[in-house]
Amino acid sequence: MRSVTGTATTPGRPRAGPLATGYRIVVGLFYIGSAVFNLLVSFPNAHVVYEAFADLAWPGAEQLVREVVLPIAGPFTLAVVAFELVAGALLLGRGRWARLGLWAALGWLAVLVPFLGVYGVANVVLILTFVPLLRTEPDRSLRDLVRRGETRSMREERPLPTGRDRRYEEIQDTSGRSPRIWTRLGRRLEGGAAG
């Protein structure tokens, strides 16, 4: 089965609506922003950051931070930055890559819960908001949305055809915009007039 954008969709899953798509895109941008923050702020102060995590963490997680993460704080932070960049980029995509990004983001949020102490509740809430996204097919990417906006503005600026293409003018609606099918018909009519 193919989606509107031409990517394969999974049978039984509805297309992601504008709200689900927008939320996924915002989360992807947030992950990329988190990567930049961690690179610029956390990386130079990695030991201080992970000491704070150890103080917040649940008892078993605290020991893990102190014994495993703190000795390699700098490289560990760079690995986190790389993960967040990849997860964010995947979330901005569509199809199976966006679904992989959703699963990666969900996993990351879940893994962080014991290291955030009481603040881990926020991650649990975020996880619950991600579950509905997994029930839909992410068939639009950020690039698709940007292109769609460009196409719409280009379509509005395009002059209406004249002469032999009066049929095209007659099907224009009162707002001056035409549905996509009528725009395609107009292009075919224009092509016929040129030939």
N, C-alpha and C. Protein backbone atom coordinates (compact mmCIF):
# COMPACT_ATOMS: atom_id res chain seq x y z
N MET A 1 0.84 -1.17 0.00
CA MET A 1 0.00 0.00 0.00
C MET A 1 0.89 1.24 0.00
N ARG A 2 0.53 2.25 -0.75
CA ARG A 2 1.31 3.48 -0.85
C ARG A 2 0.57 4.63 -0.18
N SER A 3 1.35 5.54 0.44
CA SER A 3 0.77 6.72 1.05
C SER A 3 0.68 7.84 0.02
N VAL A 4 0.21 8.98 0.47
CA VAL A 4 0.09 10.14 -0.41
C VAL A 4 1.45 10.55 -0.95
N THR A 5 2.50 10.40 -0.13
CA THR A 5 3.83 10.84 -0.54
C THR A 5 4.59 9.77 -1.31
N GLY A 6 3.96 8.60 -1.51
CA GLY A 6 4.59 7.57 -2.31
C GLY A 6 5.37 6.54 -1.52
N THR A 7 5.42 6.67 -0.19
CA THR A 7 6.13 5.69 0.62
C THR A 7 5.20 4.54 0.95
N ALA A 8 5.79 3.39 1.20
CA ALA A 8 4.99 2.23 1.56
C ALA A 8 4.39 2.42 2.95
N THR A 9 3.14 2.06 3.11
CA THR A 9 2.50 2.14 4.41
C THR A 9 2.19 0.75 4.90
N THR A 10 2.02 0.63 6.19
CA THR A 10 1.71 -0.65 6.79
C THR A 10 0.19 -0.82 6.82
N PRO A 11 -0.33 -1.92 6.29
CA PRO A 11 -1.77 -2.13 6.31
C PRO A 11 -2.29 -2.15 7.75
N GLY A 12 -3.44 -1.55 7.95
CA GLY A 12 -4.05 -1.54 9.27
C GLY A 12 -3.68 -0.33 10.10
N ARG A 13 -2.69 0.42 9.71
CA ARG A 13 -2.31 1.62 10.45
C ARG A 13 -2.79 2.84 9.70
N PRO A 14 -3.54 3.72 10.36
CA PRO A 14 -3.97 4.94 9.66
C PRO A 14 -2.80 5.91 9.47
N ARG A 15 -2.92 6.75 8.47
CA ARG A 15 -1.92 7.80 8.25
C ARG A 15 -1.90 8.73 9.45
N ALA A 16 -0.72 9.21 9.78
CA ALA A 16 -0.60 10.18 10.86
C ALA A 16 -1.26 11.48 10.43
N GLY A 17 -2.10 12.02 11.26
CA GLY A 17 -2.76 13.29 10.96
C GLY A 17 -1.80 14.45 11.18
N PRO A 18 -2.28 15.67 10.95
CA PRO A 18 -1.41 16.84 11.09
C PRO A 18 -0.89 17.03 12.52
N LEU A 19 -1.72 16.73 13.52
CA LEU A 19 -1.29 16.90 14.91
C LEU A 19 -0.19 15.90 15.26
N ALA A 20 -0.37 14.64 14.89
CA ALA A 20 0.65 13.61 15.16
C ALA A 20 1.94 13.92 14.40
N THR A 21 1.81 14.33 13.16
CA THR A 21 2.99 14.67 12.37
C THR A 21 3.72 15.86 12.97
N GLY A 22 2.95 16.89 13.33
CA GLY A 22 3.54 18.08 13.93
C GLY A 22 4.25 17.77 15.24
N TYR A 23 3.62 16.95 16.07
CA TYR A 23 4.22 16.57 17.35
C TYR A 23 5.53 15.81 17.13
N ARG A 24 5.51 14.86 16.19
CA ARG A 24 6.72 14.09 15.89
C ARG A 24 7.84 15.00 15.38
N ILE A 25 7.51 15.95 14.54
CA ILE A 25 8.50 16.89 14.01
C ILE A 25 9.08 17.75 15.14
N VAL A 26 8.20 18.23 16.03
CA VAL A 26 8.66 19.04 17.16
C VAL A 26 9.60 18.23 18.05
N VAL A 27 9.25 16.98 18.31
CA VAL A 27 10.10 16.11 19.13
C VAL A 27 11.45 15.89 18.43
N GLY A 28 11.42 15.69 17.12
CA GLY A 28 12.67 15.54 16.37
C GLY A 28 13.56 16.77 16.49
N LEU A 29 12.95 17.95 16.36
CA LEU A 29 13.71 19.19 16.50
C LEU A 29 14.23 19.34 17.93
N PHE A 30 13.42 18.91 18.92
CA PHE A 30 13.85 18.95 20.31
C PHE A 30 15.07 18.06 20.52
N TYR A 31 15.08 16.87 19.94
CA TYR A 31 16.22 15.97 20.08
C TYR A 31 17.47 16.59 19.46
N ILE A 32 17.33 17.22 18.32
CA ILE A 32 18.48 17.87 17.69
C ILE A 32 18.96 19.04 18.56
N GLY A 33 18.00 19.80 19.10
CA GLY A 33 18.36 20.88 20.02
C GLY A 33 19.04 20.36 21.27
N SER A 34 18.58 19.22 21.78
CA SER A 34 19.21 18.61 22.95
C SER A 34 20.64 18.19 22.64
N ALA A 35 20.86 17.70 21.44
CA ALA A 35 22.21 17.31 21.04
C ALA A 35 23.14 18.53 21.03
N VAL A 36 22.65 19.63 20.49
CA VAL A 36 23.45 20.85 20.44
C VAL A 36 23.73 21.33 21.87
N PHE A 37 22.71 21.33 22.73
CA PHE A 37 22.88 21.73 24.12
C PHE A 37 23.92 20.85 24.81
N ASN A 38 23.78 19.53 24.64
CA ASN A 38 24.72 18.62 25.30
C ASN A 38 26.14 18.80 24.78
N LEU A 39 26.28 19.13 23.53
CA LEU A 39 27.61 19.34 22.97
C LEU A 39 28.22 20.64 23.52
N LEU A 40 27.42 21.69 23.58
CA LEU A 40 27.94 23.00 23.99
C LEU A 40 27.99 23.19 25.50
N VAL A 41 27.08 22.59 26.25
CA VAL A 41 27.01 22.82 27.69
C VAL A 41 27.44 21.60 28.50
N SER A 42 26.87 20.44 28.20
CA SER A 42 27.16 19.25 29.00
C SER A 42 28.57 18.71 28.76
N PHE A 43 29.01 18.69 27.52
CA PHE A 43 30.32 18.11 27.21
C PHE A 43 31.46 18.83 27.95
N PRO A 44 31.52 20.17 27.93
CA PRO A 44 32.62 20.83 28.65
C PRO A 44 32.54 20.63 30.17
N ASN A 45 31.36 20.33 30.70
CA ASN A 45 31.17 20.16 32.14
C ASN A 45 30.67 18.75 32.47
N ALA A 46 31.14 17.78 31.74
CA ALA A 46 30.59 16.42 31.82
C ALA A 46 30.63 15.85 33.23
N HIS A 47 31.74 16.01 33.93
CA HIS A 47 31.83 15.42 35.28
C HIS A 47 30.80 16.05 36.23
N VAL A 48 30.65 17.34 36.15
CA VAL A 48 29.68 18.03 37.01
C VAL A 48 28.26 17.57 36.68
N VAL A 49 27.95 17.46 35.41
CA VAL A 49 26.61 17.03 34.97
C VAL A 49 26.30 15.63 35.47
N TYR A 50 27.25 14.70 35.32
CA TYR A 50 26.97 13.32 35.73
C TYR A 50 27.01 13.15 37.24
N GLU A 51 27.74 14.00 37.95
CA GLU A 51 27.66 14.00 39.43
C GLU A 51 26.25 14.39 39.86
N ALA A 52 25.68 15.39 39.16
CA ALA A 52 24.31 15.81 39.47
C ALA A 52 23.32 14.68 39.17
N PHE A 53 23.53 13.98 38.06
CA PHE A 53 22.68 12.82 37.74
C PHE A 53 22.80 11.74 38.81
N ALA A 54 24.02 11.51 39.27
CA ALA A 54 24.23 10.49 40.30
C ALA A 54 23.50 10.87 41.59
N ASP A 55 23.48 12.15 41.92
CA ASP A 55 22.77 12.61 43.13
C ASP A 55 21.26 12.44 42.99
N LEU A 56 20.74 12.58 41.78
CA LEU A 56 19.30 12.44 41.53
C LEU A 56 18.85 10.99 41.39
N ALA A 57 19.73 10.15 40.90
CA ALA A 57 19.38 8.81 40.45
C ALA A 57 18.91 7.90 41.58
N TRP A 58 18.15 6.88 41.18
CA TRP A 58 17.73 5.83 42.09
C TRP A 58 18.98 5.08 42.56
N PRO A 59 18.93 4.37 43.69
CA PRO A 59 20.13 3.73 44.24
C PRO A 59 20.95 2.89 43.25
N GLY A 60 20.40 1.98 42.50
CA GLY A 60 21.18 1.17 41.56
C GLY A 60 21.73 2.01 40.42
N ALA A 61 20.94 2.97 39.96
CA ALA A 61 21.36 3.83 38.85
C ALA A 61 22.47 4.77 39.29
N GLU A 62 22.43 5.19 40.56
CA GLU A 62 23.48 6.08 41.08
C GLU A 62 24.84 5.40 41.00
N GLN A 63 24.89 4.14 41.41
CA GLN A 63 26.14 3.40 41.39
C GLN A 63 26.64 3.24 39.95
N LEU A 64 25.73 3.00 39.01
CA LEU A 64 26.09 2.87 37.60
C LEU A 64 26.72 4.16 37.08
N VAL A 65 26.12 5.28 37.44
CA VAL A 65 26.66 6.57 36.98
C VAL A 65 28.05 6.79 37.55
N ARG A 66 28.22 6.56 38.85
CA ARG A 66 29.51 6.83 39.50
C ARG A 66 30.62 5.88 39.03
N GLU A 67 30.29 4.63 38.80
CA GLU A 67 31.33 3.64 38.49
C GLU A 67 31.57 3.45 36.99
N VAL A 68 30.54 3.67 36.16
CA VAL A 68 30.69 3.41 34.72
C VAL A 68 30.74 4.69 33.91
N VAL A 69 29.82 5.60 34.15
CA VAL A 69 29.70 6.79 33.31
C VAL A 69 30.73 7.86 33.66
N LEU A 70 30.92 8.16 34.94
CA LEU A 70 31.85 9.23 35.32
C LEU A 70 33.28 9.03 34.81
N PRO A 71 33.83 7.82 34.84
CA PRO A 71 35.20 7.67 34.31
C PRO A 71 35.33 7.97 32.81
N ILE A 72 34.23 7.85 32.07
CA ILE A 72 34.27 8.13 30.63
C ILE A 72 33.26 9.23 30.28
N ALA A 73 33.15 10.23 31.15
CA ALA A 73 32.11 11.26 31.02
C ALA A 73 32.15 11.97 29.67
N GLY A 74 33.32 12.38 29.21
CA GLY A 74 33.43 13.09 27.93
C GLY A 74 32.99 12.25 26.74
N PRO A 75 33.60 11.08 26.54
CA PRO A 75 33.18 10.24 25.42
C PRO A 75 31.71 9.79 25.53
N PHE A 76 31.25 9.55 26.75
CA PHE A 76 29.85 9.17 26.93
C PHE A 76 28.93 10.30 26.47
N THR A 77 29.28 11.52 26.80
CA THR A 77 28.47 12.67 26.37
C THR A 77 28.47 12.79 24.85
N LEU A 78 29.60 12.55 24.22
CA LEU A 78 29.65 12.59 22.75
C LEU A 78 28.78 11.49 22.14
N ALA A 79 28.74 10.33 22.78
CA ALA A 79 27.87 9.25 22.30
C ALA A 79 26.40 9.65 22.44
N VAL A 80 26.07 10.32 23.55
CA VAL A 80 24.69 10.81 23.75
C VAL A 80 24.34 11.83 22.67
N VAL A 81 25.27 12.73 22.38
CA VAL A 81 25.06 13.75 21.33
C VAL A 81 24.81 13.06 19.99
N ALA A 82 25.62 12.08 19.65
CA ALA A 82 25.45 11.37 18.38
C ALA A 82 24.10 10.67 18.33
N PHE A 83 23.73 10.01 19.42
CA PHE A 83 22.43 9.33 19.48
C PHE A 83 21.29 10.31 19.28
N GLU A 84 21.34 11.45 19.98
CA GLU A 84 20.26 12.43 19.87
C GLU A 84 20.17 13.02 18.47
N LEU A 85 21.30 13.24 17.83
CA LEU A 85 21.28 13.74 16.45
C LEU A 85 20.63 12.72 15.50
N VAL A 86 21.01 11.47 15.65
CA VAL A 86 20.45 10.43 14.77
C VAL A 86 18.96 10.26 15.04
N ALA A 87 18.57 10.17 16.31
CA ALA A 87 17.15 10.01 16.65
C ALA A 87 16.34 11.20 16.15
N GLY A 88 16.87 12.41 16.33
CA GLY A 88 16.17 13.60 15.85
C GLY A 88 16.01 13.61 14.34
N ALA A 89 17.07 13.25 13.63
CA ALA A 89 17.01 13.20 12.16
C ALA A 89 16.00 12.16 11.71
N LEU A 90 15.98 11.00 12.36
CA LEU A 90 15.01 9.96 12.01
C LEU A 90 13.59 10.43 12.25
N LEU A 91 13.36 11.13 13.35
CA LEU A 91 12.02 11.63 13.65
C LEU A 91 11.54 12.66 12.63
N LEU A 92 12.46 13.35 12.00
CA LEU A 92 12.08 14.34 10.98
C LEU A 92 11.77 13.69 9.64
N GLY A 93 12.07 12.41 9.51
CA GLY A 93 11.82 11.69 8.27
C GLY A 93 10.41 11.13 8.21
N ARG A 94 10.26 10.06 7.42
CA ARG A 94 8.94 9.43 7.28
C ARG A 94 9.13 7.92 7.14
N GLY A 95 8.02 7.21 7.17
CA GLY A 95 8.04 5.77 6.96
C GLY A 95 8.76 5.02 8.07
N ARG A 96 9.43 3.95 7.67
CA ARG A 96 10.07 3.08 8.68
C ARG A 96 11.18 3.79 9.43
N TRP A 97 11.82 4.78 8.80
CA TRP A 97 12.89 5.52 9.48
C TRP A 97 12.31 6.37 10.60
N ALA A 98 11.17 7.00 10.34
CA ALA A 98 10.52 7.80 11.39
C ALA A 98 10.05 6.89 12.52
N ARG A 99 9.54 5.71 12.18
CA ARG A 99 9.12 4.76 13.22
C ARG A 99 10.33 4.31 14.05
N LEU A 100 11.46 4.08 13.39
CA LEU A 100 12.68 3.73 14.12
C LEU A 100 13.07 4.87 15.07
N GLY A 101 12.95 6.09 14.59
CA GLY A 101 13.23 7.26 15.43
C GLY A 101 12.29 7.33 16.63
N LEU A 102 11.00 7.00 16.41
CA LEU A 102 10.04 6.99 17.52
C LEU A 102 10.44 5.94 18.56
N TRP A 103 10.79 4.75 18.10
CA TRP A 103 11.19 3.70 19.03
C TRP A 103 12.47 4.09 19.77
N ALA A 104 13.43 4.71 19.07
CA ALA A 104 14.67 5.14 19.72
C ALA A 104 14.38 6.21 20.78
N ALA A 105 13.52 7.16 20.44
CA ALA A 105 13.16 8.21 21.39
C ALA A 105 12.45 7.63 22.60
N LEU A 106 11.53 6.70 22.36
CA LEU A 106 10.83 6.04 23.47
C LEU A 106 11.81 5.30 24.37
N GLY A 107 12.71 4.54 23.77
CA GLY A 107 13.69 3.80 24.55
C GLY A 107 14.57 4.72 25.38
N TRP A 108 15.00 5.82 24.79
CA TRP A 108 15.86 6.77 25.48
C TRP A 108 15.12 7.38 26.67
N LEU A 109 13.88 7.77 26.46
CA LEU A 109 13.10 8.34 27.57
C LEU A 109 12.94 7.33 28.70
N ALA A 110 12.70 6.08 28.34
CA ALA A 110 12.52 5.04 29.36
C ALA A 110 13.82 4.77 30.11
N VAL A 111 14.94 4.72 29.39
CA VAL A 111 16.22 4.47 30.03
C VAL A 111 16.59 5.59 31.01
N LEU A 112 16.23 6.80 30.70
CA LEU A 112 16.59 7.94 31.56
C LEU A 112 15.79 8.02 32.85
N VAL A 113 14.63 7.40 32.92
CA VAL A 113 13.75 7.53 34.10
C VAL A 113 14.48 7.28 35.42
N PRO A 114 15.20 6.16 35.60
CA PRO A 114 15.85 5.94 36.90
C PRO A 114 17.00 6.90 37.21
N PHE A 115 17.49 7.61 36.19
CA PHE A 115 18.60 8.53 36.41
C PHE A 115 18.12 9.94 36.73
N LEU A 116 16.83 10.19 36.64
CA LEU A 116 16.29 11.53 36.85
C LEU A 116 15.56 11.69 38.17
N GLY A 117 15.51 10.64 38.96
CA GLY A 117 14.82 10.73 40.24
C GLY A 117 13.36 11.07 40.04
N VAL A 118 12.89 12.02 40.81
CA VAL A 118 11.49 12.42 40.73
C VAL A 118 11.16 13.09 39.40
N TYR A 119 12.16 13.67 38.75
CA TYR A 119 11.95 14.32 37.46
C TYR A 119 11.68 13.30 36.35
N GLY A 120 11.92 12.04 36.63
CA GLY A 120 11.62 10.97 35.67
C GLY A 120 10.14 10.87 35.34
N VAL A 121 9.29 11.43 36.20
CA VAL A 121 7.84 11.44 35.94
C VAL A 121 7.55 12.15 34.62
N ALA A 122 8.29 13.21 34.34
CA ALA A 122 8.10 13.93 33.06
C ALA A 122 8.37 13.00 31.88
N ASN A 123 9.37 12.15 31.99
CA ASN A 123 9.66 11.20 30.91
C ASN A 123 8.54 10.18 30.76
N VAL A 124 7.96 9.74 31.87
CA VAL A 124 6.84 8.80 31.80
C VAL A 124 5.67 9.44 31.07
N VAL A 125 5.39 10.70 31.36
CA VAL A 125 4.31 11.42 30.66
C VAL A 125 4.62 11.51 29.17
N LEU A 126 5.86 11.84 28.82
CA LEU A 126 6.24 11.91 27.40
C LEU A 126 6.09 10.56 26.71
N ILE A 127 6.47 9.49 27.41
CA ILE A 127 6.33 8.15 26.84
C ILE A 127 4.86 7.88 26.52
N LEU A 128 3.98 8.27 27.44
CA LEU A 128 2.55 8.05 27.22
C LEU A 128 2.03 8.86 26.03
N THR A 129 2.62 10.01 25.76
CA THR A 129 2.19 10.79 24.60
C THR A 129 2.73 10.22 23.30
N PHE A 130 3.80 9.43 23.38
CA PHE A 130 4.37 8.82 22.17
C PHE A 130 3.59 7.59 21.70
N VAL A 131 2.95 6.89 22.62
CA VAL A 131 2.27 5.64 22.28
C VAL A 131 1.27 5.83 21.14
N PRO A 132 0.42 6.87 21.16
CA PRO A 132 -0.50 7.05 20.02
C PRO A 132 0.22 7.25 18.69
N LEU A 133 1.41 7.82 18.71
CA LEU A 133 2.16 8.02 17.47
C LEU A 133 2.55 6.69 16.84
N LEU A 134 2.75 5.67 17.67
CA LEU A 134 3.14 4.36 17.15
C LEU A 134 1.99 3.66 16.45
N ARG A 135 0.79 4.12 16.69
CA ARG A 135 -0.39 3.50 16.07
C ARG A 135 -0.69 4.06 14.69
N THR A 136 0.06 5.07 14.28
CA THR A 136 -0.17 5.70 12.97
C THR A 136 1.05 5.49 12.08
N GLU A 137 0.85 5.73 10.81
CA GLU A 137 1.92 5.61 9.82
C GLU A 137 2.50 7.00 9.55
N PRO A 138 3.76 7.25 9.94
CA PRO A 138 4.36 8.56 9.71
C PRO A 138 4.78 8.72 8.25
N ASP A 139 3.85 9.18 7.40
CA ASP A 139 4.13 9.22 5.97
C ASP A 139 4.51 10.60 5.45
N ARG A 140 4.71 11.55 6.34
CA ARG A 140 5.16 12.88 5.91
C ARG A 140 6.38 13.30 6.74
N SER A 141 7.37 13.84 6.07
CA SER A 141 8.59 14.28 6.73
C SER A 141 8.58 15.81 6.83
N LEU A 142 9.54 16.33 7.55
CA LEU A 142 9.67 17.79 7.63
C LEU A 142 9.90 18.35 6.23
N ARG A 143 10.71 17.65 5.44
CA ARG A 143 10.98 18.08 4.07
C ARG A 143 9.68 18.13 3.25
N ASP A 144 8.82 17.12 3.41
CA ASP A 144 7.54 17.11 2.70
C ASP A 144 6.69 18.31 3.09
N LEU A 145 6.68 18.62 4.37
CA LEU A 145 5.86 19.75 4.84
C LEU A 145 6.39 21.07 4.32
N VAL A 146 7.71 21.20 4.29
CA VAL A 146 8.32 22.44 3.77
C VAL A 146 8.04 22.56 2.28
N ARG A 147 8.21 21.46 1.54
CA ARG A 147 7.92 21.48 0.10
C ARG A 147 6.47 21.82 -0.17
N ARG A 148 5.58 21.24 0.61
CA ARG A 148 4.16 21.50 0.44
C ARG A 148 3.86 22.98 0.61
N GLY A 149 4.50 23.61 1.59
CA GLY A 149 4.33 25.04 1.79
C GLY A 149 4.86 25.84 0.62
N GLU A 150 6.02 25.44 0.09
CA GLU A 150 6.59 26.12 -1.07
C GLU A 150 5.70 25.94 -2.29
N THR A 151 5.20 24.74 -2.48
CA THR A 151 4.34 24.46 -3.62
C THR A 151 3.08 25.30 -3.54
N ARG A 152 2.52 25.38 -2.34
CA ARG A 152 1.29 26.15 -2.18
C ARG A 152 1.54 27.62 -2.52
N SER A 153 2.65 28.19 -2.03
CA SER A 153 2.91 29.60 -2.31
C SER A 153 3.22 29.81 -3.79
N MET A 154 3.91 28.86 -4.43
CA MET A 154 4.20 28.99 -5.86
C MET A 154 2.91 28.88 -6.66
N ARG A 155 2.01 28.01 -6.23
CA ARG A 155 0.76 27.83 -6.94
C ARG A 155 -0.07 29.11 -6.86
N GLU A 156 -0.04 29.80 -5.73
CA GLU A 156 -0.84 31.02 -5.58
C GLU A 156 -0.29 32.16 -6.43
N GLU A 157 1.04 32.16 -6.64
CA GLU A 157 1.65 33.23 -7.42
C GLU A 157 1.55 32.99 -8.92
N ARG A 158 1.26 31.78 -9.33
CA ARG A 158 1.23 31.42 -10.74
C ARG A 158 0.05 32.09 -11.44
N PRO A 159 0.28 32.76 -12.56
CA PRO A 159 -0.83 33.40 -13.27
C PRO A 159 -1.76 32.35 -13.89
N LEU A 160 -3.02 32.70 -13.98
CA LEU A 160 -3.99 31.80 -14.60
C LEU A 160 -3.77 31.75 -16.11
N PRO A 161 -3.96 30.60 -16.71
CA PRO A 161 -3.79 30.50 -18.16
C PRO A 161 -4.91 31.25 -18.90
N THR A 162 -4.60 31.64 -20.11
CA THR A 162 -5.59 32.37 -20.92
C THR A 162 -5.72 31.68 -22.27
N GLY A 163 -6.58 32.22 -23.12
CA GLY A 163 -6.72 31.71 -24.49
C GLY A 163 -7.42 30.37 -24.53
N ARG A 164 -6.75 29.36 -25.11
CA ARG A 164 -7.35 28.04 -25.31
C ARG A 164 -7.72 27.36 -23.98
N ASP A 165 -7.20 27.85 -22.88
CA ASP A 165 -7.39 27.18 -21.60
C ASP A 165 -8.54 27.77 -20.78
N ARG A 166 -9.58 28.26 -21.44
CA ARG A 166 -10.72 28.82 -20.72
C ARG A 166 -11.39 27.77 -19.84
N ARG A 167 -11.33 26.51 -20.25
CA ARG A 167 -11.92 25.45 -19.41
C ARG A 167 -11.26 25.43 -18.04
N TYR A 168 -9.97 25.70 -18.00
CA TYR A 168 -9.24 25.74 -16.73
C TYR A 168 -9.76 26.88 -15.86
N GLU A 169 -9.98 28.05 -16.46
CA GLU A 169 -10.48 29.19 -15.70
C GLU A 169 -11.87 28.91 -15.14
N GLU A 170 -12.69 28.19 -15.86
CA GLU A 170 -14.06 27.93 -15.41
C GLU A 170 -14.10 27.03 -14.19
N ILE A 171 -13.09 26.21 -13.99
CA ILE A 171 -13.14 25.32 -12.84
C ILE A 171 -12.47 25.90 -11.60
N GLN A 172 -11.96 27.11 -11.69
CA GLN A 172 -11.39 27.77 -10.51
C GLN A 172 -12.50 28.03 -9.51
N ASP A 173 -12.19 27.83 -8.22
CA ASP A 173 -13.22 28.14 -7.23
C ASP A 173 -13.18 29.63 -6.92
N THR A 174 -14.10 30.10 -6.10
CA THR A 174 -14.24 31.53 -5.86
C THR A 174 -13.08 32.13 -5.08
N SER A 175 -12.31 31.32 -4.36
CA SER A 175 -11.19 31.86 -3.59
C SER A 175 -9.98 32.14 -4.47
N GLY A 176 -9.98 31.70 -5.71
CA GLY A 176 -8.85 31.90 -6.59
C GLY A 176 -7.84 30.77 -6.52
N ARG A 177 -8.01 29.87 -5.56
CA ARG A 177 -7.13 28.70 -5.45
C ARG A 177 -7.81 27.52 -6.11
N SER A 178 -7.03 26.62 -6.60
CA SER A 178 -7.63 25.46 -7.24
C SER A 178 -7.17 24.21 -6.52
N PRO A 179 -8.02 23.21 -6.42
CA PRO A 179 -7.58 21.95 -5.84
C PRO A 179 -6.46 21.34 -6.69
N ARG A 180 -5.67 20.47 -6.08
CA ARG A 180 -4.51 19.88 -6.76
C ARG A 180 -4.89 19.23 -8.08
N ILE A 181 -6.01 18.53 -8.13
CA ILE A 181 -6.41 17.84 -9.37
C ILE A 181 -6.65 18.85 -10.50
N TRP A 182 -7.23 20.00 -10.16
CA TRP A 182 -7.48 21.01 -11.19
C TRP A 182 -6.18 21.66 -11.64
N THR A 183 -5.23 21.78 -10.72
CA THR A 183 -3.93 22.33 -11.11
C THR A 183 -3.26 21.39 -12.11
N ARG A 184 -3.34 20.08 -11.86
CA ARG A 184 -2.76 19.11 -12.80
C ARG A 184 -3.46 19.18 -14.14
N LEU A 185 -4.79 19.31 -14.14
CA LEU A 185 -5.55 19.43 -15.37
C LEU A 185 -5.10 20.67 -16.13
N GLY A 186 -4.93 21.76 -15.39
CA GLY A 186 -4.47 23.01 -16.02
C GLY A 186 -3.10 22.85 -16.67
N ARG A 187 -2.21 22.13 -15.99
CA ARG A 187 -0.88 21.91 -16.58
C ARG A 187 -0.97 21.09 -17.85
N ARG A 188 -1.85 20.09 -17.85
CA ARG A 188 -2.03 19.29 -19.06
C ARG A 188 -2.59 20.14 -20.19
N LEU A 189 -3.54 21.01 -19.85
CA LEU A 189 -4.12 21.87 -20.87
C LEU A 189 -3.07 22.83 -21.42
N GLU A 190 -2.22 23.36 -20.50
CA GLU A 190 -1.16 24.26 -20.94
C GLU A 190 -0.18 23.54 -21.86
N GLY A 191 0.15 22.30 -21.49
CA GLY A 191 1.05 21.50 -22.33
C GLY A 191 0.47 21.26 -23.70
N GLY A 192 -0.84 21.04 -23.77
CA GLY A 192 -1.51 20.82 -25.06
C GLY A 192 -1.52 22.08 -25.90
N ALA A 193 -1.63 23.25 -25.25
CA ALA A 193 -1.66 24.51 -25.97
C ALA A 193 -0.29 24.83 -26.56
N ALA A 194 0.76 24.39 -25.85
CA ALA A 194 2.11 24.67 -26.35
C ALA A 194 2.47 23.80 -27.53
N GLY A 195 1.89 22.57 -27.55
CA GLY A 195 2.27 21.59 -28.58
C GLY A 195 1.52 21.69 -29.79
